[in-house]
Amino acid sequence: MKIMKFFQSNEMNDKKLFLLGLLNSLGTVVYIIAVAAFLNNAQRIFGDEKSFFIPIIMLMLFVLSALITSLLILGKPVIFYFEGRKKDSVKLLIYTIISFAGILALVILAYLGLK
């Protein structure tokens, strides 16, 4: 509960904005891992048969993923922007991008280290 009070304050310093950006990035990474796990097991789930519904399911998953990741990355910055907190909005978006790029770099390094 303390974490919710930490982020509910209207006054956001750079530390709070960075932590919120990091949480947005981590949420996005968790969602990406879940989708990757689903896609990795899709053949077991749906079988080898060719079906009209498989491309429909994949396209719907793509659209849903775009929506969810957009909300995770852009949701709070857009809310801040419309609340008139334009500086916080831009800072949060930049912190989210930086933390997501950092996580991506770590994943790439881990992958290369496993090879």
N, C-alpha and C. Protein backbone atom coordinates (compact mmCIF):
# COMPACT_ATOMS: atom_id res chain seq x y z
N MET A 1 0.81 -1.20 0.00
CA MET A 1 0.00 0.00 0.00
C MET A 1 0.85 1.26 0.00
N LYS A 2 2.02 1.19 0.62
CA LYS A 2 2.89 2.36 0.64
C LYS A 2 3.33 2.75 -0.76
N ILE A 3 3.51 1.74 -1.61
CA ILE A 3 3.96 2.02 -2.98
C ILE A 3 2.89 2.80 -3.74
N MET A 4 1.62 2.51 -3.50
CA MET A 4 0.55 3.24 -4.18
C MET A 4 0.53 4.70 -3.71
N LYS A 5 0.70 4.95 -2.40
CA LYS A 5 0.73 6.31 -1.89
C LYS A 5 1.92 7.07 -2.47
N PHE A 6 3.02 6.36 -2.69
CA PHE A 6 4.23 6.95 -3.23
C PHE A 6 3.97 7.55 -4.60
N PHE A 7 3.18 6.87 -5.42
CA PHE A 7 2.93 7.32 -6.79
C PHE A 7 1.66 8.14 -6.93
N GLN A 8 0.80 8.21 -5.90
CA GLN A 8 -0.45 8.95 -6.03
C GLN A 8 -0.28 10.44 -5.78
N SER A 9 0.82 10.84 -5.22
CA SER A 9 1.07 12.25 -4.97
C SER A 9 1.16 13.01 -6.29
N ASN A 10 0.62 14.23 -6.29
CA ASN A 10 0.69 15.05 -7.50
C ASN A 10 2.09 15.59 -7.73
N GLU A 11 2.88 15.65 -6.68
CA GLU A 11 4.24 16.14 -6.83
C GLU A 11 5.15 14.97 -7.16
N MET A 12 5.72 15.01 -8.35
CA MET A 12 6.61 13.94 -8.79
C MET A 12 8.00 14.50 -8.95
N ASN A 13 8.93 13.96 -8.18
CA ASN A 13 10.32 14.34 -8.41
C ASN A 13 10.92 13.35 -9.41
N ASP A 14 12.16 13.61 -9.79
CA ASP A 14 12.78 12.76 -10.81
C ASP A 14 12.89 11.31 -10.36
N LYS A 15 13.11 11.08 -9.07
CA LYS A 15 13.22 9.70 -8.56
C LYS A 15 11.90 8.95 -8.76
N LYS A 16 10.79 9.59 -8.40
CA LYS A 16 9.48 8.96 -8.57
C LYS A 16 9.19 8.70 -10.05
N LEU A 17 9.50 9.68 -10.88
CA LEU A 17 9.26 9.52 -12.31
C LEU A 17 10.10 8.39 -12.89
N PHE A 18 11.37 8.31 -12.46
CA PHE A 18 12.22 7.22 -12.96
C PHE A 18 11.69 5.87 -12.51
N LEU A 19 11.29 5.75 -11.24
CA LEU A 19 10.75 4.48 -10.75
C LEU A 19 9.46 4.10 -11.48
N LEU A 20 8.62 5.09 -11.76
CA LEU A 20 7.39 4.82 -12.50
C LEU A 20 7.71 4.38 -13.93
N GLY A 21 8.69 5.03 -14.55
CA GLY A 21 9.13 4.62 -15.89
C GLY A 21 9.69 3.22 -15.89
N LEU A 22 10.47 2.89 -14.85
CA LEU A 22 11.02 1.54 -14.72
C LEU A 22 9.90 0.52 -14.55
N LEU A 23 8.91 0.83 -13.73
CA LEU A 23 7.76 -0.08 -13.56
C LEU A 23 7.00 -0.26 -14.87
N ASN A 24 6.82 0.83 -15.63
CA ASN A 24 6.16 0.72 -16.94
C ASN A 24 6.95 -0.22 -17.85
N SER A 25 8.27 -0.06 -17.85
CA SER A 25 9.12 -0.90 -18.69
C SER A 25 9.08 -2.36 -18.25
N LEU A 26 9.16 -2.59 -16.94
CA LEU A 26 9.12 -3.96 -16.43
C LEU A 26 7.78 -4.62 -16.73
N GLY A 27 6.69 -3.88 -16.61
CA GLY A 27 5.37 -4.42 -16.97
C GLY A 27 5.31 -4.81 -18.43
N THR A 28 5.90 -3.99 -19.27
CA THR A 28 5.95 -4.29 -20.70
C THR A 28 6.77 -5.54 -20.96
N VAL A 29 7.90 -5.67 -20.28
CA VAL A 29 8.75 -6.85 -20.45
C VAL A 29 8.02 -8.11 -19.99
N VAL A 30 7.32 -8.03 -18.87
CA VAL A 30 6.56 -9.19 -18.38
C VAL A 30 5.50 -9.59 -19.41
N TYR A 31 4.82 -8.60 -19.99
CA TYR A 31 3.81 -8.91 -21.01
C TYR A 31 4.46 -9.54 -22.23
N ILE A 32 5.59 -9.02 -22.67
CA ILE A 32 6.29 -9.58 -23.83
C ILE A 32 6.71 -11.02 -23.56
N ILE A 33 7.19 -11.30 -22.36
CA ILE A 33 7.58 -12.67 -22.01
C ILE A 33 6.37 -13.59 -22.05
N ALA A 34 5.23 -13.12 -21.56
CA ALA A 34 4.01 -13.94 -21.58
C ALA A 34 3.57 -14.24 -23.02
N VAL A 35 3.62 -13.24 -23.89
CA VAL A 35 3.24 -13.46 -25.29
C VAL A 35 4.24 -14.39 -25.97
N ALA A 36 5.53 -14.21 -25.70
CA ALA A 36 6.55 -15.08 -26.29
C ALA A 36 6.36 -16.53 -25.83
N ALA A 37 6.01 -16.72 -24.56
CA ALA A 37 5.76 -18.08 -24.05
C ALA A 37 4.54 -18.69 -24.75
N PHE A 38 3.51 -17.88 -24.95
CA PHE A 38 2.32 -18.36 -25.66
C PHE A 38 2.68 -18.76 -27.09
N LEU A 39 3.41 -17.88 -27.79
CA LEU A 39 3.77 -18.17 -29.18
C LEU A 39 4.70 -19.37 -29.28
N ASN A 40 5.56 -19.53 -28.29
CA ASN A 40 6.48 -20.66 -28.27
C ASN A 40 5.73 -21.99 -28.12
N ASN A 41 4.57 -21.94 -27.46
CA ASN A 41 3.78 -23.15 -27.24
C ASN A 41 2.53 -23.21 -28.12
N ALA A 42 2.42 -22.32 -29.08
CA ALA A 42 1.21 -22.26 -29.90
C ALA A 42 0.97 -23.55 -30.67
N GLN A 43 2.03 -24.17 -31.16
CA GLN A 43 1.85 -25.40 -31.93
C GLN A 43 1.28 -26.51 -31.05
N ARG A 44 1.72 -26.57 -29.80
CA ARG A 44 1.16 -27.56 -28.87
C ARG A 44 -0.29 -27.25 -28.54
N ILE A 45 -0.60 -25.96 -28.44
CA ILE A 45 -1.96 -25.56 -28.07
C ILE A 45 -2.93 -25.79 -29.23
N PHE A 46 -2.54 -25.36 -30.44
CA PHE A 46 -3.45 -25.41 -31.58
C PHE A 46 -3.23 -26.60 -32.49
N GLY A 47 -2.11 -27.28 -32.36
CA GLY A 47 -1.82 -28.41 -33.23
C GLY A 47 -1.23 -27.95 -34.55
N ASP A 48 -1.00 -28.91 -35.44
CA ASP A 48 -0.36 -28.63 -36.72
C ASP A 48 -1.36 -28.27 -37.83
N GLU A 49 -2.63 -28.43 -37.53
CA GLU A 49 -3.61 -28.25 -38.59
C GLU A 49 -3.64 -26.80 -39.10
N LYS A 50 -3.89 -26.68 -40.38
CA LYS A 50 -4.04 -25.35 -40.98
C LYS A 50 -5.51 -24.98 -40.83
N SER A 51 -5.71 -23.82 -40.24
CA SER A 51 -7.08 -23.39 -39.99
C SER A 51 -7.24 -21.92 -40.37
N PHE A 52 -8.42 -21.57 -40.76
CA PHE A 52 -8.75 -20.19 -41.07
C PHE A 52 -8.59 -19.30 -39.84
N PHE A 53 -8.78 -19.88 -38.65
CA PHE A 53 -8.78 -19.09 -37.42
C PHE A 53 -7.39 -18.74 -36.90
N ILE A 54 -6.36 -19.49 -37.28
CA ILE A 54 -5.01 -19.22 -36.78
C ILE A 54 -4.53 -17.82 -37.17
N PRO A 55 -4.62 -17.41 -38.45
CA PRO A 55 -4.20 -16.03 -38.76
C PRO A 55 -5.06 -14.98 -38.07
N ILE A 56 -6.34 -15.27 -37.89
CA ILE A 56 -7.22 -14.33 -37.19
C ILE A 56 -6.76 -14.17 -35.74
N ILE A 57 -6.47 -15.28 -35.09
CA ILE A 57 -6.00 -15.25 -33.70
C ILE A 57 -4.69 -14.48 -33.61
N MET A 58 -3.77 -14.72 -34.53
CA MET A 58 -2.46 -14.05 -34.51
C MET A 58 -2.62 -12.54 -34.72
N LEU A 59 -3.47 -12.14 -35.67
CA LEU A 59 -3.69 -10.71 -35.91
C LEU A 59 -4.38 -10.05 -34.72
N MET A 60 -5.33 -10.74 -34.12
CA MET A 60 -5.99 -10.19 -32.94
C MET A 60 -5.01 -10.07 -31.78
N LEU A 61 -4.13 -11.05 -31.62
CA LEU A 61 -3.10 -10.98 -30.58
C LEU A 61 -2.16 -9.80 -30.85
N PHE A 62 -1.82 -9.57 -32.12
CA PHE A 62 -0.97 -8.44 -32.49
C PHE A 62 -1.62 -7.11 -32.10
N VAL A 63 -2.89 -6.95 -32.43
CA VAL A 63 -3.61 -5.71 -32.11
C VAL A 63 -3.73 -5.54 -30.60
N LEU A 64 -4.06 -6.62 -29.89
CA LEU A 64 -4.15 -6.56 -28.43
C LEU A 64 -2.80 -6.20 -27.82
N SER A 65 -1.73 -6.76 -28.35
CA SER A 65 -0.40 -6.45 -27.85
C SER A 65 -0.04 -4.99 -28.07
N ALA A 66 -0.39 -4.46 -29.23
CA ALA A 66 -0.14 -3.04 -29.51
C ALA A 66 -0.89 -2.16 -28.51
N LEU A 67 -2.12 -2.53 -28.21
CA LEU A 67 -2.93 -1.77 -27.26
C LEU A 67 -2.32 -1.83 -25.86
N ILE A 68 -2.00 -3.03 -25.39
CA ILE A 68 -1.48 -3.20 -24.04
C ILE A 68 -0.13 -2.51 -23.87
N THR A 69 0.77 -2.71 -24.82
CA THR A 69 2.08 -2.08 -24.69
C THR A 69 1.98 -0.56 -24.82
N SER A 70 1.07 -0.08 -25.65
CA SER A 70 0.87 1.37 -25.74
C SER A 70 0.39 1.94 -24.42
N LEU A 71 -0.54 1.24 -23.78
CA LEU A 71 -1.03 1.70 -22.48
C LEU A 71 0.08 1.67 -21.44
N LEU A 72 0.89 0.62 -21.45
CA LEU A 72 1.96 0.51 -20.47
C LEU A 72 3.03 1.59 -20.66
N ILE A 73 3.35 1.90 -21.90
CA ILE A 73 4.41 2.87 -22.18
C ILE A 73 3.87 4.31 -22.19
N LEU A 74 2.73 4.53 -22.80
CA LEU A 74 2.23 5.89 -23.01
C LEU A 74 1.09 6.32 -22.09
N GLY A 75 0.48 5.38 -21.38
CA GLY A 75 -0.71 5.69 -20.60
C GLY A 75 -0.53 6.82 -19.60
N LYS A 76 0.39 6.66 -18.68
CA LYS A 76 0.58 7.67 -17.64
C LYS A 76 1.13 8.98 -18.19
N PRO A 77 2.09 8.96 -19.15
CA PRO A 77 2.52 10.24 -19.72
C PRO A 77 1.37 11.02 -20.37
N VAL A 78 0.46 10.34 -21.04
CA VAL A 78 -0.68 11.03 -21.66
C VAL A 78 -1.59 11.62 -20.58
N ILE A 79 -1.81 10.86 -19.51
CA ILE A 79 -2.63 11.38 -18.40
C ILE A 79 -1.98 12.62 -17.81
N PHE A 80 -0.67 12.55 -17.56
CA PHE A 80 0.05 13.72 -17.03
C PHE A 80 -0.09 14.91 -17.98
N TYR A 81 0.04 14.67 -19.26
CA TYR A 81 -0.04 15.74 -20.25
C TYR A 81 -1.39 16.44 -20.18
N PHE A 82 -2.47 15.67 -20.13
CA PHE A 82 -3.80 16.26 -20.11
C PHE A 82 -4.13 16.88 -18.76
N GLU A 83 -3.40 16.51 -17.73
CA GLU A 83 -3.55 17.16 -16.42
C GLU A 83 -2.77 18.46 -16.35
N GLY A 84 -2.05 18.79 -17.42
CA GLY A 84 -1.27 20.01 -17.45
C GLY A 84 0.14 19.85 -16.92
N ARG A 85 0.54 18.63 -16.63
CA ARG A 85 1.88 18.34 -16.11
C ARG A 85 2.78 17.92 -17.27
N LYS A 86 3.02 18.84 -18.18
CA LYS A 86 3.71 18.52 -19.43
C LYS A 86 5.17 18.13 -19.20
N LYS A 87 5.84 18.80 -18.27
CA LYS A 87 7.24 18.45 -17.99
C LYS A 87 7.34 17.04 -17.42
N ASP A 88 6.45 16.72 -16.46
CA ASP A 88 6.43 15.37 -15.89
C ASP A 88 6.12 14.33 -16.97
N SER A 89 5.22 14.68 -17.87
CA SER A 89 4.84 13.77 -18.95
C SER A 89 6.04 13.43 -19.83
N VAL A 90 6.77 14.44 -20.24
CA VAL A 90 7.93 14.22 -21.11
C VAL A 90 9.03 13.48 -20.36
N LYS A 91 9.28 13.87 -19.11
CA LYS A 91 10.31 13.19 -18.31
C LYS A 91 9.97 11.72 -18.13
N LEU A 92 8.71 11.43 -17.79
CA LEU A 92 8.31 10.04 -17.59
C LEU A 92 8.48 9.23 -18.86
N LEU A 93 8.09 9.79 -19.99
CA LEU A 93 8.25 9.08 -21.25
C LEU A 93 9.72 8.81 -21.54
N ILE A 94 10.57 9.80 -21.30
CA ILE A 94 12.01 9.62 -21.53
C ILE A 94 12.58 8.57 -20.57
N TYR A 95 12.21 8.62 -19.30
CA TYR A 95 12.69 7.62 -18.34
C TYR A 95 12.21 6.22 -18.71
N THR A 96 10.98 6.12 -19.20
CA THR A 96 10.47 4.82 -19.62
C THR A 96 11.26 4.29 -20.81
N ILE A 97 11.53 5.15 -21.77
CA ILE A 97 12.30 4.74 -22.95
C ILE A 97 13.70 4.31 -22.55
N ILE A 98 14.34 5.09 -21.68
CA ILE A 98 15.70 4.77 -21.24
C ILE A 98 15.73 3.44 -20.49
N SER A 99 14.79 3.24 -19.57
CA SER A 99 14.79 1.99 -18.81
C SER A 99 14.45 0.80 -19.69
N PHE A 100 13.54 0.98 -20.66
CA PHE A 100 13.22 -0.12 -21.57
C PHE A 100 14.42 -0.45 -22.44
N ALA A 101 15.12 0.57 -22.92
CA ALA A 101 16.33 0.34 -23.74
C ALA A 101 17.40 -0.35 -22.90
N GLY A 102 17.52 0.02 -21.63
CA GLY A 102 18.48 -0.64 -20.74
C GLY A 102 18.15 -2.11 -20.53
N ILE A 103 16.87 -2.40 -20.33
CA ILE A 103 16.44 -3.80 -20.17
C ILE A 103 16.71 -4.58 -21.46
N LEU A 104 16.41 -3.96 -22.60
CA LEU A 104 16.68 -4.60 -23.89
C LEU A 104 18.17 -4.91 -24.04
N ALA A 105 19.02 -3.96 -23.67
CA ALA A 105 20.47 -4.17 -23.74
C ALA A 105 20.89 -5.33 -22.85
N LEU A 106 20.32 -5.41 -21.64
CA LEU A 106 20.64 -6.53 -20.74
C LEU A 106 20.20 -7.86 -21.32
N VAL A 107 19.03 -7.89 -21.93
CA VAL A 107 18.53 -9.13 -22.54
C VAL A 107 19.43 -9.55 -23.69
N ILE A 108 19.84 -8.59 -24.52
CA ILE A 108 20.75 -8.91 -25.63
C ILE A 108 22.07 -9.43 -25.11
N LEU A 109 22.63 -8.78 -24.08
CA LEU A 109 23.90 -9.24 -23.50
C LEU A 109 23.76 -10.63 -22.89
N ALA A 110 22.63 -10.88 -22.22
CA ALA A 110 22.41 -12.21 -21.65
C ALA A 110 22.32 -13.26 -22.76
N TYR A 111 21.62 -12.93 -23.84
CA TYR A 111 21.51 -13.86 -24.96
C TYR A 111 22.87 -14.15 -25.57
N LEU A 112 23.64 -13.11 -25.80
CA LEU A 112 24.97 -13.29 -26.38
C LEU A 112 25.91 -14.06 -25.44
N GLY A 113 25.71 -13.87 -24.14
CA GLY A 113 26.52 -14.59 -23.16
C GLY A 113 26.18 -16.07 -23.09
N LEU A 114 24.95 -16.41 -23.45
CA LEU A 114 24.52 -17.81 -23.41
C LEU A 114 24.95 -18.57 -24.65
N LYS A 115 25.35 -17.87 -25.69
CA LYS A 115 25.72 -18.53 -26.95
C LYS A 115 27.06 -19.21 -26.82
